[in-house]
C-alpha atoms as a PDB file:
ATOM      1  CA  MET A   1      -6.834  -6.690  20.167  1.00  0.00           C
ATOM      2  CA  LYS A   2      -6.872  -7.461  16.511  1.00  0.00           C
ATOM      3  CA  PRO A   3      -5.179  -5.210  13.651  1.00  0.00           C
ATOM      4  CA  THR A   4      -6.979  -3.076  11.299  1.00  0.00           C
ATOM      5  CA  LEU A   5      -6.314  -3.083   7.684  1.00  0.00           C
ATOM      6  CA  LEU A   6      -6.139   0.221   5.940  1.00  0.00           C
ATOM      7  CA  ILE A   7      -6.734   0.377   2.281  1.00  0.00           C
ATOM      8  CA  LEU A   8      -5.743   3.167   0.248  1.00  0.00           C
ATOM      9  CA  ALA A   9      -8.277   3.250  -2.602  1.00  0.00           C
ATOM     10  CA  ALA A  10      -8.662   6.784  -3.460  1.00  0.00           C
ATOM     11  CA  GLY A  11      -6.587   6.861  -6.756  1.00  0.00           C
ATOM     12  CA  MET A  12      -8.197   7.172 -10.061  1.00  0.00           C
ATOM     13  CA  GLY A  13      -6.077   4.923 -12.204  1.00  0.00           C
ATOM     14  CA  SER A  14      -5.093   7.301 -15.015  1.00  0.00           C
ATOM     15  CA  ARG A  15      -2.446   5.205 -16.624  1.00  0.00           C
ATOM     16  CA  TYR A  16      -4.645   2.205 -16.241  1.00  0.00           C
ATOM     17  CA  GLY A  17      -7.722   3.690 -18.127  1.00  0.00           C
ATOM     18  CA  GLY A  18     -10.470   3.126 -15.359  1.00  0.00           C
ATOM     19  CA  LEU A  19     -11.399   2.350 -11.887  1.00  0.00           C
ATOM     20  CA  LYS A  20      -9.378  -0.633 -11.489  1.00  0.00           C
ATOM     21  CA  GLN A  21      -9.865  -0.766  -7.596  1.00  0.00           C
ATOM     22  CA  ILE A  22     -13.170  -2.624  -8.755  1.00  0.00           C
ATOM     23  CA  ASP A  23     -11.943  -4.346 -11.768  1.00  0.00           C
ATOM     24  CA  PRO A  24     -13.123  -7.915 -11.826  1.00  0.00           C
ATOM     25  CA  LEU A  25     -10.044  -9.967 -12.339  1.00  0.00           C
ATOM     26  CA  GLY A  26     -10.854 -13.301 -10.195  1.00  0.00           C
ATOM     27  CA  PRO A  27     -12.370 -16.439 -11.758  1.00  0.00           C
ATOM     28  CA  ASN A  28     -15.975 -15.160 -10.372  1.00  0.00           C
ATOM     29  CA  GLY A  29     -15.392 -11.459 -10.767  1.00  0.00           C
ATOM     30  CA  GLU A  30     -13.270 -10.903  -7.471  1.00  0.00           C
ATOM     31  CA  THR A  31     -11.143  -7.850  -7.401  1.00  0.00           C
ATOM     32  CA  ILE A  32      -7.612  -7.438  -5.970  1.00  0.00           C
ATOM     33  CA  ILE A  33      -9.007  -5.874  -2.952  1.00  0.00           C
ATOM     34  CA  GLU A  34     -11.054  -8.995  -2.029  1.00  0.00           C
ATOM     35  CA  TYR A  35      -8.089 -11.301  -2.168  1.00  0.00           C
ATOM     36  CA  SER A  36      -6.266  -8.920   0.029  1.00  0.00           C
ATOM     37  CA  ILE A  37      -9.310  -8.924   2.419  1.00  0.00           C
ATOM     38  CA  TYR A  38      -9.695 -12.638   2.333  1.00  0.00           C
ATOM     39  CA  ASP A  39      -5.849 -12.874   3.335  1.00  0.00           C
ATOM     40  CA  ALA A  40      -6.612 -10.404   6.085  1.00  0.00           C
ATOM     41  CA  ILE A  41      -9.494 -12.150   7.669  1.00  0.00           C
ATOM     42  CA  GLN A  42      -7.490 -15.410   7.619  1.00  0.00           C
ATOM     43  CA  ALA A  43      -4.330 -13.832   9.117  1.00  0.00           C
ATOM     44  CA  GLY A  44      -6.696 -12.576  12.152  1.00  0.00           C
ATOM     45  CA  PHE A  45      -7.265  -8.731  11.153  1.00  0.00           C
ATOM     46  CA  GLY A  46     -10.620  -7.454  12.683  1.00  0.00           C
ATOM     47  CA  LYS A  47     -11.275  -4.642  10.633  1.00  0.00           C
ATOM     48  CA  VAL A  48     -11.059  -3.068   7.135  1.00  0.00           C
ATOM     49  CA  VAL A  49     -11.140   0.513   6.630  1.00  0.00           C
ATOM     50  CA  PHE A  50     -11.480   1.837   2.857  1.00  0.00           C
ATOM     51  CA  ILE A  51     -10.106   5.176   2.129  1.00  0.00           C
ATOM     52  CA  ILE A  52     -11.704   6.273  -0.988  1.00  0.00           C
ATOM     53  CA  ARG A  53     -12.990   9.305  -2.950  1.00  0.00           C
ATOM     54  CA  GLU A  54     -16.553  10.273  -2.211  1.00  0.00           C
ATOM     55  CA  SER A  55     -17.371  10.720  -5.930  1.00  0.00           C
ATOM     56  CA  PHE A  56     -17.131   6.926  -6.313  1.00  0.00           C
ATOM     57  CA  ALA A  57     -18.384   5.991  -3.072  1.00  0.00           C
ATOM     58  CA  ASP A  58     -21.608   4.392  -4.378  1.00  0.00           C
ATOM     59  CA  ALA A  59     -20.094   2.231  -7.169  1.00  0.00           C
ATOM     60  CA  PHE A  60     -17.285   1.125  -4.793  1.00  0.00           C
ATOM     61  CA  LYS A  61     -19.589  -0.012  -1.907  1.00  0.00           C
ATOM     62  CA  GLU A  62     -21.872  -1.810  -4.483  1.00  0.00           C
ATOM     63  CA  GLN A  63     -18.944  -3.731  -5.619  1.00  0.00           C
ATOM     64  CA  PHE A  64     -18.446  -5.162  -2.112  1.00  0.00           C
ATOM     65  CA  ARG A  65     -22.073  -5.393  -0.816  1.00  0.00           C
ATOM     66  CA  GLY A  66     -23.015  -8.619   0.660  1.00  0.00           C
ATOM     67  CA  LYS A  67     -19.519 -10.285   0.491  1.00  0.00           C
ATOM     68  CA  PHE A  68     -17.904 -10.125   3.575  1.00  0.00           C
ATOM     69  CA  GLU A  69     -19.509  -7.918   6.404  1.00  0.00           C
ATOM     70  CA  ASP A  70     -20.110 -10.890   8.510  1.00  0.00           C
ATOM     71  CA  GLN A  71     -16.504 -11.822   8.637  1.00  0.00           C
ATOM     72  CA  ILE A  72     -14.823  -8.471   9.251  1.00  0.00           C
ATOM     73  CA  GLU A  73     -15.940  -4.914  10.540  1.00  0.00           C
ATOM     74  CA  ILE A  74     -16.063  -2.399   7.647  1.00  0.00           C
ATOM     75  CA  ALA A  75     -15.333   1.375   7.723  1.00  0.00           C
ATOM     76  CA  TYR A  76     -15.122   4.087   4.966  1.00  0.00           C
ATOM     77  CA  VAL A  77     -13.428   7.445   5.176  1.00  0.00           C
ATOM     78  CA  TYR A  78     -13.141   9.832   2.183  1.00  0.00           C
ATOM     79  CA  GLN A  79     -10.072  11.496   0.908  1.00  0.00           C
ATOM     80  CA  ASP A  80     -10.203  14.239  -1.768  1.00  0.00           C
ATOM     81  CA  VAL A  81      -7.578  16.404  -2.793  1.00  0.00           C
ATOM     82  CA  ASN A  82      -7.915  18.864   0.051  1.00  0.00           C
ATOM     83  CA  THR A  83      -9.463  16.911   2.718  1.00  0.00           C
ATOM     84  CA  PRO A  84      -8.778  18.953   5.764  1.00  0.00           C
ATOM     85  CA  VAL A  85      -6.414  17.811   8.425  1.00  0.00           C
ATOM     86  CA  GLU A  86      -6.320  19.229  12.307  1.00  0.00           C
ATOM     87  CA  GLY A  87      -3.711  22.139  12.564  1.00  0.00           C
ATOM     88  CA  ILE A  88      -4.317  23.465   8.938  1.00  0.00           C
ATOM     89  CA  GLU A  89      -7.295  25.815   8.399  1.00  0.00           C
ATOM     90  CA  ASN A  90      -7.306  25.723   4.721  1.00  0.00           C
ATOM     91  CA  LEU A  91      -5.332  23.509   2.654  1.00  0.00           C
ATOM     92  CA  PRO A  92      -3.751  25.334  -0.463  1.00  0.00           C
ATOM     93  CA  HIS A  93      -5.875  24.584  -3.404  1.00  0.00           C
ATOM     94  CA  ARG A  94      -4.367  22.531  -5.747  1.00  0.00           C
ATOM     95  CA  GLU A  95      -5.266  19.485  -8.268  1.00  0.00           C
ATOM     96  CA  LYS A  96      -2.815  16.875  -7.334  1.00  0.00           C
ATOM     97  CA  PRO A  97      -3.505  14.783  -4.225  1.00  0.00           C
ATOM     98  CA  TRP A  98      -1.431  15.471  -1.321  1.00  0.00           C
ATOM     99  CA  GLY A  99       0.077  11.842  -1.129  1.00  0.00           C
ATOM    100  CA  THR A 100      -0.134   8.582   0.708  1.00  0.00           C
ATOM    101  CA  MET A 101       0.308   9.781   4.311  1.00  0.00           C
ATOM    102  CA  HIS A 102      -2.189  12.417   3.842  1.00  0.00           C
ATOM    103  CA  ALA A 103      -4.590   9.488   3.116  1.00  0.00           C
ATOM    104  CA  VAL A 104      -3.579   7.627   6.307  1.00  0.00           C
ATOM    105  CA  LEU A 105      -4.222  10.904   8.334  1.00  0.00           C
ATOM    106  CA  VAL A 106      -7.729  11.114   6.773  1.00  0.00           C
ATOM    107  CA  ALA A 107      -8.579   7.778   8.863  1.00  0.00           C
ATOM    108  CA  HIS A 108      -7.196   8.740  12.414  1.00  0.00           C
ATOM    109  CA  ASP A 109     -11.005   8.887  13.724  1.00  0.00           C
ATOM    110  CA  VAL A 110     -11.771   5.146  12.847  1.00  0.00           C
ATOM    111  CA  VAL A 111      -8.352   3.525  13.695  1.00  0.00           C
ATOM    112  CA  ASN A 112      -7.299   3.189  17.224  1.00  0.00           C
ATOM    113  CA  GLU A 113      -5.280  -0.085  17.280  1.00  0.00           C
ATOM    114  CA  PRO A 114      -2.167  -1.155  15.207  1.00  0.00           C
ATOM    115  CA  PHE A 115      -2.786  -1.131  11.644  1.00  0.00           C
ATOM    116  CA  ALA A 116      -1.548  -2.076   8.217  1.00  0.00           C
ATOM    117  CA  VAL A 117      -1.617  -0.011   4.990  1.00  0.00           C
ATOM    118  CA  ILE A 118      -1.836  -1.467   1.607  1.00  0.00           C
ATOM    119  CA  ASN A 119      -2.590  -0.247  -1.682  1.00  0.00           C
ATOM    120  CA  ALA A 120      -5.943  -1.347  -3.353  1.00  0.00           C
ATOM    121  CA  ASP A 121      -4.725  -2.512  -6.688  1.00  0.00           C
ATOM    122  CA  ASP A 122      -1.678  -4.359  -5.315  1.00  0.00           C
ATOM    123  CA  PHE A 123      -1.982  -8.245  -4.655  1.00  0.00           C
ATOM    124  CA  TYR A 124       0.449  -9.174  -1.883  1.00  0.00           C
ATOM    125  CA  GLY A 125      -0.232 -12.692  -1.203  1.00  0.00           C
ATOM    126  CA  SER A 126      -1.249 -14.362   2.085  1.00  0.00           C
ATOM    127  CA  ASP A 127       2.505 -14.681   3.657  1.00  0.00           C
ATOM    128  CA  GLY A 128       2.864 -10.970   3.955  1.00  0.00           C
ATOM    129  CA  PHE A 129      -0.629 -10.621   5.878  1.00  0.00           C
ATOM    130  CA  HIS A 130       0.412 -13.352   8.359  1.00  0.00           C
ATOM    131  CA  GLN A 131       3.654 -11.955   9.019  1.00  0.00           C
ATOM    132  CA  ILE A 132       2.443  -8.486   9.588  1.00  0.00           C
ATOM    133  CA  ALA A 133      -0.538  -9.700  11.744  1.00  0.00           C
ATOM    134  CA  ASP A 134       1.815 -11.548  14.113  1.00  0.00           C
ATOM    135  CA  PHE A 135       4.011  -8.468  14.439  1.00  0.00           C
ATOM    136  CA  LEU A 136       0.942  -5.844  14.849  1.00  0.00           C
ATOM    137  CA  LYS A 137      -0.405  -8.105  17.619  1.00  0.00           C
ATOM    138  CA  ASN A 138       2.919  -9.070  19.446  1.00  0.00           C
ATOM    139  CA  LYS A 139       5.835  -6.423  18.696  1.00  0.00           C
ATOM    140  CA  CYS A 140       4.231  -3.407  17.427  1.00  0.00           C
ATOM    141  CA  ALA A 141       4.993  -0.374  20.004  1.00  0.00           C
ATOM    142  CA  GLU A 142       5.060   3.597  20.032  1.00  0.00           C
ATOM    143  CA  ASN A 143       8.722   3.459  18.514  1.00  0.00           C
ATOM    144  CA  THR A 144       8.524   0.018  16.607  1.00  0.00           C
ATOM    145  CA  TYR A 145       6.561  -0.022  13.252  1.00  0.00           C
ATOM    146  CA  THR A 146       7.369  -2.283  10.249  1.00  0.00           C
ATOM    147  CA  MET A 147       7.298  -2.776   6.625  1.00  0.00           C
ATOM    148  CA  VAL A 148       6.689  -5.825   4.358  1.00  0.00           C
ATOM    149  CA  GLY A 149       9.254  -5.878   1.611  1.00  0.00           C
ATOM    150  CA  TYR A 150       9.213  -8.056  -1.677  1.00  0.00           C
ATOM    151  CA  VAL A 151      11.927  -9.469  -3.746  1.00  0.00           C
ATOM    152  CA  LEU A 152      12.369  -7.117  -6.847  1.00  0.00           C
ATOM    153  CA  ARG A 153      12.180  -9.789  -9.300  1.00  0.00           C
ATOM    154  CA  ASN A 154       8.923 -10.902  -8.224  1.00  0.00           C
ATOM    155  CA  THR A 155       7.260  -7.258  -8.752  1.00  0.00           C
ATOM    156  CA  LEU A 156       8.229  -6.216 -12.172  1.00  0.00           C
ATOM    157  CA  SER A 157       5.777  -5.747 -15.116  1.00  0.00           C
ATOM    158  CA  GLU A 158       6.514  -7.334 -18.555  1.00  0.00           C
ATOM    159  CA  HIS A 159       4.365  -4.290 -19.993  1.00  0.00           C
ATOM    160  CA  GLY A 160       6.262  -1.229 -19.041  1.00  0.00           C
ATOM    161  CA  GLN A 161       8.803   0.300 -16.582  1.00  0.00           C
ATOM    162  CA  VAL A 162       7.997   0.706 -12.917  1.00  0.00           C
ATOM    163  CA  SER A 163       9.296   2.589  -9.975  1.00  0.00           C
ATOM    164  CA  ARG A 164      10.302   0.704  -6.830  1.00  0.00           C
ATOM    165  CA  GLY A 165      11.852   1.862  -3.496  1.00  0.00           C
ATOM    166  CA  VAL A 166      14.893  -0.248  -2.876  1.00  0.00           C
ATOM    167  CA  CYS A 167      15.311  -1.077   0.793  1.00  0.00           C
ATOM    168  CA  VAL A 168      18.534  -0.621   2.685  1.00  0.00           C
ATOM    169  CA  ALA A 169      18.875  -2.326   5.955  1.00  0.00           C
ATOM    170  CA  ASP A 170      21.006  -2.242   9.020  1.00  0.00           C
ATOM    171  CA  ALA A 171      22.696  -5.292  10.601  1.00  0.00           C
ATOM    172  CA  ASP A 172      19.758  -5.878  12.655  1.00  0.00           C
ATOM    173  CA  ASN A 173      17.475  -5.885   9.619  1.00  0.00           C
ATOM    174  CA  ASN A 174      16.076  -2.635  10.440  1.00  0.00           C
ATOM    175  CA  LEU A 175      14.895  -0.411   7.589  1.00  0.00           C
ATOM    176  CA  GLU A 176      17.675   2.394   7.175  1.00  0.00           C
ATOM    177  CA  LYS A 177      16.122   4.048   4.038  1.00  0.00           C
ATOM    178  CA  VAL A 178      14.087   3.584   0.712  1.00  0.00           C
ATOM    179  CA  ASP A 179      16.093   4.448  -2.419  1.00  0.00           C
ATOM    180  CA  GLU A 180      13.671   5.271  -4.947  1.00  0.00           C
ATOM    181  CA  ARG A 181      14.515   3.898  -8.294  1.00  0.00           C
ATOM    182  CA  THR A 182      12.656   4.803 -11.627  1.00  0.00           C
ATOM    183  CA  LYS A 183      12.165   2.906 -15.080  1.00  0.00           C
ATOM    184  CA  ILE A 184      12.978  -0.385 -13.677  1.00  0.00           C
ATOM    185  CA  HIS A 185      12.608  -3.061 -16.284  1.00  0.00           C
ATOM    186  CA  TRP A 186      14.127  -6.530 -17.432  1.00  0.00           C
ATOM    187  CA  GLU A 187      16.902  -6.157 -20.033  1.00  0.00           C
ATOM    188  CA  GLY A 188      17.563  -9.753 -20.910  1.00  0.00           C
ATOM    189  CA  GLU A 189      18.670 -11.537 -17.703  1.00  0.00           C
ATOM    190  CA  LYS A 190      19.514  -8.317 -15.936  1.00  0.00           C
ATOM    191  CA  VAL A 191      17.278  -5.476 -14.227  1.00  0.00           C
ATOM    192  CA  ILE A 192      18.054  -2.001 -15.036  1.00  0.00           C
ATOM    193  CA  TYR A 193      16.932   1.416 -13.686  1.00  0.00           C
ATOM    194  CA  HIS A 194      17.455   4.790 -15.104  1.00  0.00           C
ATOM    195  CA  GLU A 195      18.454   8.224 -13.382  1.00  0.00           C
ATOM    196  CA  GLY A 196      18.537  10.966 -15.723  1.00  0.00           C
ATOM    197  CA  ASP A 197      20.294  10.132 -18.932  1.00  0.00           C
ATOM    198  CA  ALA A 198      22.053   7.278 -17.153  1.00  0.00           C
ATOM    199  CA  SER A 199      21.332   3.319 -16.866  1.00  0.00           C
ATOM    200  CA  TYR A 200      22.451   1.089 -13.920  1.00  0.00           C
ATOM    201  CA  GLU A 201      21.928  -2.298 -12.949  1.00  0.00           C
ATOM    202  CA  VAL A 202      20.114  -3.286  -9.682  1.00  0.00           C
ATOM    203  CA  ASP A 203      20.145  -6.745  -7.760  1.00  0.00           C
ATOM    204  CA  PRO A 204      17.058  -8.603  -8.841  1.00  0.00           C
ATOM    205  CA  GLY A 205      17.190 -10.004  -5.301  1.00  0.00           C
ATOM    206  CA  SER A 206      16.892  -6.708  -3.353  1.00  0.00           C
ATOM    207  CA  VAL A 207      14.045  -6.157  -1.311  1.00  0.00           C
ATOM    208  CA  VAL A 208      11.766  -3.611  -2.332  1.00  0.00           C
ATOM    209  CA  SER A 209       8.795  -1.671  -0.679  1.00  0.00           C
ATOM    210  CA  MET A 210       5.510  -2.066  -2.209  1.00  0.00           C
ATOM    211  CA  ASN A 211       3.580   0.275   0.327  1.00  0.00           C
ATOM    212  CA  PHE A 212       2.844  -2.511   3.036  1.00  0.00           C
ATOM    213  CA  TRP A 213       3.288  -0.933   6.296  1.00  0.00           C
ATOM    214  CA  GLY A 214       2.461  -1.466   9.839  1.00  0.00           C
ATOM    215  CA  PHE A 215       1.988   1.372  12.581  1.00  0.00           C
ATOM    216  CA  HIS A 216       1.100   1.865  15.922  1.00  0.00           C
ATOM    217  CA  PRO A 217      -1.813   4.375  16.129  1.00  0.00           C
ATOM    218  CA  ASN A 218       0.486   6.989  17.507  1.00  0.00           C
ATOM    219  CA  ILE A 219       1.541   7.352  14.042  1.00  0.00           C
ATOM    220  CA  PHE A 220      -1.243   9.841  13.547  1.00  0.00           C
ATOM    221  CA  GLU A 221      -0.082  12.546  15.881  1.00  0.00           C
ATOM    222  CA  ARG A 222       3.490  12.146  14.909  1.00  0.00           C
ATOM    223  CA  SER A 223       2.759  12.615  11.246  1.00  0.00           C
ATOM    224  CA  ARG A 224      -0.030  14.859  11.673  1.00  0.00           C
ATOM    225  CA  GLN A 225       2.532  17.516  12.823  1.00  0.00           C
ATOM    226  CA  MET A 226       5.019  16.769  10.084  1.00  0.00           C
ATOM    227  CA  PHE A 227       2.155  17.414   7.385  1.00  0.00           C
ATOM    228  CA  VAL A 228       1.260  20.820   9.004  1.00  0.00           C
ATOM    229  CA  ASP A 229       4.910  21.620   8.479  1.00  0.00           C
ATOM    230  CA  PHE A 230       4.994  19.956   5.097  1.00  0.00           C
ATOM    231  CA  VAL A 231       2.113  22.130   3.744  1.00  0.00           C
ATOM    232  CA  LYS A 232       3.770  25.328   5.209  1.00  0.00           C
ATOM    233  CA  GLU A 233       7.169  24.453   3.290  1.00  0.00           C
ATOM    234  CA  ASN A 234       5.573  23.456  -0.073  1.00  0.00           C
ATOM    235  CA  GLN A 235       2.261  25.867  -0.225  1.00  0.00           C
ATOM    236  CA  ASP A 236       3.538  26.922  -3.634  1.00  0.00           C
ATOM    237  CA  ASN A 237       4.609  23.550  -4.813  1.00  0.00           C
ATOM    238  CA  PRO A 238       1.644  21.810  -6.639  1.00  0.00           C
ATOM    239  CA  LYS A 239       3.558  18.452  -7.225  1.00  0.00           C
ATOM    240  CA  ALA A 240       4.814  18.006  -3.475  1.00  0.00           C
ATOM    241  CA  GLU A 241       3.431  14.857  -1.978  1.00  0.00           C
ATOM    242  CA  PHE A 242       3.471  13.641   1.490  1.00  0.00           C
ATOM    243  CA  PHE A 243       4.336  10.056   1.107  1.00  0.00           C
ATOM    244  CA  ILE A 244       4.596   7.261   3.539  1.00  0.00           C
ATOM    245  CA  PRO A 245       8.282   6.776   2.882  1.00  0.00           C
ATOM    246  CA  LEU A 246       9.016  10.453   3.734  1.00  0.00           C
ATOM    247  CA  VAL A 247       7.572   9.933   7.217  1.00  0.00           C
ATOM    248  CA  ALA A 248       9.239   6.758   7.806  1.00  0.00           C
ATOM    249  CA  ASP A 249      12.562   8.232   6.658  1.00  0.00           C
ATOM    250  CA  THR A 250      12.066  11.193   9.101  1.00  0.00           C
ATOM    251  CA  LEU A 251      11.505   9.000  11.953  1.00  0.00           C
ATOM    252  CA  ILE A 252      14.276   6.481  11.326  1.00  0.00           C
ATOM    253  CA  ASN A 253      16.848   9.510  10.937  1.00  0.00           C
ATOM    254  CA  SER A 254      15.701  10.940  13.976  1.00  0.00           C
ATOM    255  CA  GLY A 255      16.140   7.815  16.088  1.00  0.00           C
ATOM    256  CA  GLU A 256      12.473   8.266  17.048  1.00  0.00           C
ATOM    257  CA  ALA A 257      11.272   4.736  15.504  1.00  0.00           C
ATOM    258  CA  GLN A 258      12.693   1.591  13.966  1.00  0.00           C
ATOM    259  CA  PHE A 259      11.263  -0.294  11.196  1.00  0.00           C
ATOM    260  CA  PRO A 260      11.943  -4.241  11.286  1.00  0.00           C
ATOM    261  CA  ILE A 261      11.960  -5.522   7.653  1.00  0.00           C
ATOM    262  CA  LEU A 262       9.429  -8.318   7.056  1.00  0.00           C
ATOM    263  CA  THR A 263      10.356  -9.931   3.742  1.00  0.00           C
ATOM    264  CA  SER A 264       7.634 -12.111   1.792  1.00  0.00           C
ATOM    265  CA  ASN A 265       9.018 -14.553  -1.155  1.00  0.00           C
ATOM    266  CA  ASP A 266       5.340 -14.173  -2.638  1.00  0.00           C
ATOM    267  CA  ARG A 267       4.959 -13.034  -6.199  1.00  0.00           C
ATOM    268  CA  TRP A 268       3.412  -9.617  -6.063  1.00  0.00           C
ATOM    269  CA  HIS A 269       0.603  -8.821  -8.757  1.00  0.00           C
ATOM    270  CA  GLY A 270      -0.571  -5.308  -9.817  1.00  0.00           C
ATOM    271  CA  VAL A 271      -2.261  -3.682 -12.442  1.00  0.00           C
ATOM    272  CA  THR A 272      -0.165  -0.414 -13.427  1.00  0.00           C
ATOM    273  CA  TYR A 273      -1.045  -1.001 -16.956  1.00  0.00           C
ATOM    274  CA  ILE A 274      -4.257  -2.376 -18.840  1.00  0.00           C
ATOM    275  CA  GLU A 275      -1.604  -4.670 -20.469  1.00  0.00           C
ATOM    276  CA  ASP A 276      -0.935  -6.162 -16.802  1.00  0.00           C
ATOM    277  CA  ARG A 277      -4.721  -7.248 -16.493  1.00  0.00           C
ATOM    278  CA  PRO A 278      -4.353 -10.760 -18.420  1.00  0.00           C
ATOM    279  CA  VAL A 279      -1.414 -11.731 -16.423  1.00  0.00           C
ATOM    280  CA  VAL A 280      -3.214 -10.997 -13.323  1.00  0.00           C
ATOM    281  CA  VAL A 281      -6.519 -12.597 -14.400  1.00  0.00           C
ATOM    282  CA  ASP A 282      -4.295 -15.671 -15.301  1.00  0.00           C
ATOM    283  CA  ALA A 283      -2.356 -15.669 -11.748  1.00  0.00           C
ATOM    284  CA  PHE A 284      -5.528 -15.643  -9.879  1.00  0.00           C
ATOM    285  CA  LYS A 285      -6.961 -18.663 -11.944  1.00  0.00           C
ATOM    286  CA  LYS A 286      -3.687 -20.496 -11.141  1.00  0.00           C
ATOM    287  CA  LEU A 287      -3.858 -19.697  -7.521  1.00  0.00           C
ATOM    288  CA  VAL A 288      -7.438 -21.013  -7.457  1.00  0.00           C
ATOM    289  CA  GLU A 289      -6.175 -24.204  -9.248  1.00  0.00           C
ATOM    290  CA  GLU A 290      -3.409 -24.733  -6.728  1.00  0.00           C
ATOM    291  CA  GLY A 291      -5.825 -24.653  -3.889  1.00  0.00           C
ATOM    292  CA  LYS A 292      -4.824 -21.531  -2.181  1.00  0.00           C
ATOM    293  CA  TYR A 293      -8.071 -19.709  -2.819  1.00  0.00           C
ATOM    294  CA  PRO A 294     -11.600 -20.904  -2.754  1.00  0.00           C
ATOM    295  CA  SER A 295     -13.859 -20.066  -6.085  1.00  0.00           C
ATOM    296  CA  PRO A 296     -15.923 -18.201  -5.540  1.00  0.00           C
ATOM    297  CA  LEU A 297     -14.079 -16.439  -2.744  1.00  0.00           C
ATOM    298  CA  TRP A 298     -17.158 -15.665  -0.820  1.00  0.00           C
ATOM    299  CA  LYS A 299     -19.563 -18.251  -0.049  1.00  0.00           C
END
């Protein structure tokens, strides 16, 4: 069975200043999402599921119409702030989304096979897709999920500070925990992060999470009950978010699942800030010139 690619694309890009999911960045107007889908097709994925907001569904679908429908199955699901989840009659009203694992839960009706999860505005490179496709086809099980990690130095922005989850692995290279580090940036030859008023050095060769996960479909039921409990505990906390790493951490600590780490040496590209845009445009131009992608991407 071919795995599915779940793309988290419901964010609004407040720091970017626009709907960056459909910003044309490739030499022929391709979006970052299109390069991810191209890599997924080459790696053997059979379906792509877009998680988007219904408010921008028409513009989003128009961007991709006629490009790759003949190469991979496509489905759309909608995540808004208070999209209901089975087991919760009424989600507490709030302005802030419930987080990335809530977005995954919204797709439970359209995913029945092992699947990968990525962000819409991150370029991961082909290596990660080939590694995770092989894992999902051959090694994924009800207690064995995965995460594709990236080398920290390959994920930093030159135009501002970023947050990264630094991975801690056990002796067998299974994920033990993800240490969230904020305000990470280059300071000369060193990489620095800040915690409160203090600053610390972090190894630029550390493996970090870029929200590229692989799951068995049983994760839907496992995480659904966690979400029910999470909402009960955070009804009065409008900023609490149900993130994928929170679910991973819970399953690892309870011994219910393991997450072998797949490490990609590809350079990550993303558009956190509008100043990142020309850097990504130039990166795609170079990748095309090196023959790693056709131009135009879709014939």
